[in-house]
Protein backbone atom coordinates (compact mmCIF):
# COMPACT_ATOMS: atom_id res chain seq x y z
CA UNK A 1 0.00 0.00 0.00
CA UNK A 2 2.77 2.45 0.91
CA UNK A 3 4.70 1.57 -2.27
CA UNK A 4 1.59 2.39 -4.33
CA UNK A 5 1.25 5.83 -2.71
CA UNK A 6 4.94 6.52 -3.27
CA UNK A 7 4.61 5.50 -6.93
CA UNK A 8 1.55 7.80 -7.36
CA UNK A 9 3.37 10.75 -5.79
CA UNK A 10 6.39 10.18 -8.04
CA UNK A 11 4.15 10.01 -11.12
CA UNK A 12 2.44 13.31 -10.21
CA UNK A 13 5.77 15.06 -9.63
CA UNK A 14 7.11 13.72 -12.92
CA UNK A 15 4.08 15.12 -14.75
CA UNK A 16 4.47 18.54 -13.10
CA UNK A 17 8.15 18.73 -13.95
CA UNK A 18 7.54 17.53 -17.53
CA UNK A 19 4.85 20.20 -18.00
CA UNK A 20 7.39 22.91 -17.20
CA UNK A 21 9.88 21.35 -19.59
CA UNK A 22 7.46 21.64 -22.52
CA UNK A 23 7.75 25.44 -22.67
CA UNK A 24 9.90 26.86 -25.43
CA UNK A 25 9.55 27.65 -29.12
CA UNK A 26 6.82 25.95 -31.15
CA UNK A 27 6.21 26.43 -34.89
CA UNK A 28 2.71 26.09 -36.37
CA UNK A 29 1.53 25.95 -39.98
CA UNK A 30 -1.21 28.11 -41.46
CA UNK A 31 -3.51 25.08 -41.32
CA UNK A 32 -3.85 25.69 -37.53
CA UNK A 33 -5.93 28.78 -38.28
CA UNK A 34 -9.66 29.19 -38.93
CA UNK A 35 -11.63 32.06 -40.42
CA UNK A 36 -13.27 34.34 -37.87
CA UNK A 37 -14.73 36.51 -40.63
CA UNK A 38 -14.50 36.22 -44.39
CA UNK A 39 -13.08 33.13 -46.06
CA UNK A 40 -9.64 31.55 -46.15
CA UNK A 41 -8.10 28.72 -48.16
CA UNK A 42 -4.94 26.63 -47.99
CA UNK A 43 -2.56 26.15 -50.90
CA UNK A 44 -0.81 22.85 -51.66
CA UNK A 45 2.01 23.73 -49.20
CA UNK A 46 -0.44 24.47 -46.36
CA UNK A 47 -0.04 28.26 -46.57
CA UNK A 48 -3.16 30.21 -45.59
CA UNK A 49 -4.57 32.91 -47.90
CA UNK A 50 -7.70 34.97 -48.50
CA UNK A 51 -9.24 34.09 -51.91
CA UNK A 52 -11.54 37.13 -51.96
CA UNK A 53 -10.67 40.19 -54.03
CA UNK A 54 -13.26 42.33 -52.19
CA UNK A 55 -13.27 41.47 -48.45
CA UNK A 56 -10.45 41.08 -45.92
CA UNK A 57 -10.54 38.03 -43.65
CA UNK A 58 -9.73 37.71 -39.96
CA UNK A 59 -8.29 34.41 -38.77
CA UNK A 60 -7.70 32.93 -35.32
CA UNK A 61 -4.81 30.53 -34.86
CA UNK A 62 -4.27 28.07 -32.02
CA UNK A 63 -1.60 28.74 -29.42
CA UNK A 64 -1.01 25.96 -26.90
CA UNK A 65 -0.54 27.18 -23.34
CA UNK A 66 2.66 25.37 -22.37
CA UNK A 67 4.47 27.84 -20.08
CA UNK A 68 3.43 27.91 -16.46
CA UNK A 69 6.78 29.22 -15.13
CA UNK A 70 7.34 26.25 -12.87
CA UNK A 71 4.80 24.78 -10.48
CA UNK A 72 1.44 26.13 -11.65
CA UNK A 73 2.48 29.79 -11.76
CA UNK A 74 1.06 31.93 -14.54
CA UNK A 75 3.14 32.00 -17.70
CA UNK A 76 3.18 34.26 -20.72
CA UNK A 77 4.11 34.51 -24.36
CA UNK A 78 7.64 35.88 -24.56
CA UNK A 79 7.66 36.61 -28.31
CA UNK A 80 6.86 35.17 -31.69
CA UNK A 81 6.84 35.76 -35.42
CA UNK A 82 4.76 35.12 -38.53
CA UNK A 83 6.15 34.48 -42.04
CA UNK A 84 4.22 36.00 -44.95
CA UNK A 85 4.67 36.38 -48.67
CA UNK A 86 2.70 39.57 -49.35
CA UNK A 87 1.58 40.04 -52.97
CA UNK A 88 -1.00 42.75 -52.25
CA UNK A 89 0.30 46.13 -53.43
CA UNK A 90 -2.16 48.27 -51.45
CA UNK A 91 -3.05 46.38 -48.23
CA UNK A 92 -0.85 44.79 -45.59
CA UNK A 93 -1.33 41.75 -43.37
CA UNK A 94 -1.20 42.24 -39.59
CA UNK A 95 -1.15 39.90 -36.58
CA UNK A 96 -1.11 39.98 -32.79
CA UNK A 97 -1.28 37.59 -29.88
CA UNK A 98 -4.44 37.95 -27.85
CA UNK A 99 -5.87 36.20 -24.86
CA UNK A 100 -8.65 36.44 -22.36
CA UNK A 101 -9.55 34.94 -19.02
CA UNK A 102 -12.86 34.74 -17.21
CA UNK A 103 -12.46 36.16 -13.71
CA UNK A 104 -14.26 34.77 -10.65
CA UNK A 105 -16.62 37.79 -10.61
CA UNK A 106 -17.73 37.09 -14.20
CA UNK A 107 -15.73 39.87 -15.87
CA UNK A 108 -13.25 39.20 -18.66
CA UNK A 109 -9.64 40.37 -18.65
CA UNK A 110 -8.12 40.75 -22.12
CA UNK A 111 -4.43 40.57 -23.04
CA UNK A 112 -2.78 41.80 -26.26
CA UNK A 113 0.66 41.94 -27.85
CA UNK A 114 1.83 44.59 -30.32
CA UNK A 115 0.24 44.76 -33.81
CA UNK A 116 2.87 44.82 -36.58
CA UNK A 117 2.06 44.76 -40.31
CA UNK A 118 3.80 43.58 -43.46
CA UNK A 119 5.43 46.35 -45.49
CA UNK A 120 5.38 46.55 -49.27
CA UNK A 121 4.86 43.55 -51.49
CA UNK A 122 6.84 40.98 -53.41
CA UNK A 123 7.77 37.32 -53.55
CA UNK A 124 10.29 37.60 -50.70
CA UNK A 125 9.53 36.39 -47.17
CA UNK A 126 8.37 39.04 -44.71
CA UNK A 127 8.64 38.37 -40.99
CA UNK A 128 6.27 40.02 -38.52
CA UNK A 129 7.98 40.13 -35.13
CA UNK A 130 5.44 39.84 -32.33
CA UNK A 131 6.11 41.09 -28.82
CA UNK A 132 5.31 39.56 -25.47
CA UNK A 133 1.89 39.10 -23.92
CA UNK A 134 1.35 38.60 -20.22
CA UNK A 135 -1.61 36.58 -19.00
CA UNK A 136 -2.70 34.36 -16.17
CA UNK A 137 -2.72 30.58 -15.99
CA UNK A 138 -6.40 30.36 -17.00
CA UNK A 139 -6.08 32.36 -20.22
CA UNK A 140 -7.16 31.25 -23.66
CA UNK A 141 -4.47 32.37 -26.12
CA UNK A 142 -4.72 32.86 -29.88
CA UNK A 143 -2.88 34.48 -32.75
CA UNK A 144 -5.25 36.85 -34.59
CA UNK A 145 -4.38 38.01 -38.12
CA UNK A 146 -6.00 40.17 -40.75
CA UNK A 147 -5.50 38.68 -44.20
CA UNK A 148 -5.82 41.31 -46.95
CA UNK A 149 -7.82 40.80 -50.11
CA UNK A 150 -6.37 39.19 -53.21
CA UNK A 151 -4.70 41.72 -55.49
CA UNK A 152 -6.08 40.91 -58.96
CA UNK A 153 -2.89 42.07 -60.66
CA UNK A 154 -0.25 40.48 -58.41
CA UNK A 155 -1.86 37.69 -56.33
CA UNK A 156 -2.46 36.55 -52.76
CA UNK A 157 -0.88 37.35 -49.42
CA UNK A 158 -0.02 34.00 -47.79
CA UNK A 159 0.78 33.08 -44.19
CA UNK A 160 3.20 30.15 -44.19
CA UNK A 161 4.20 29.58 -40.56
CA UNK A 162 4.06 31.21 -37.14
CA UNK A 163 6.16 30.68 -34.02
CA UNK A 164 5.28 31.09 -30.36
CA UNK A 165 8.05 31.45 -27.75
CA UNK A 166 6.86 30.78 -24.21
Foldseek 3Di string as FASTA:
>chain_A
DVVVVVVVVVVVVVVQVVLQVVAFKDKDWLQQKAWPDAHWDADPLRWIWHAAQPDKTKIKGADDLRHQPGRNWFDWWAKKKWKKQAQDAPDWKKKKKKKWAQDPVRDIDIKIWDIDIFDGHDRDIDMDIIHMIGDGPRMGMIMMMIFDHADPVGGIMIITMMMIHD
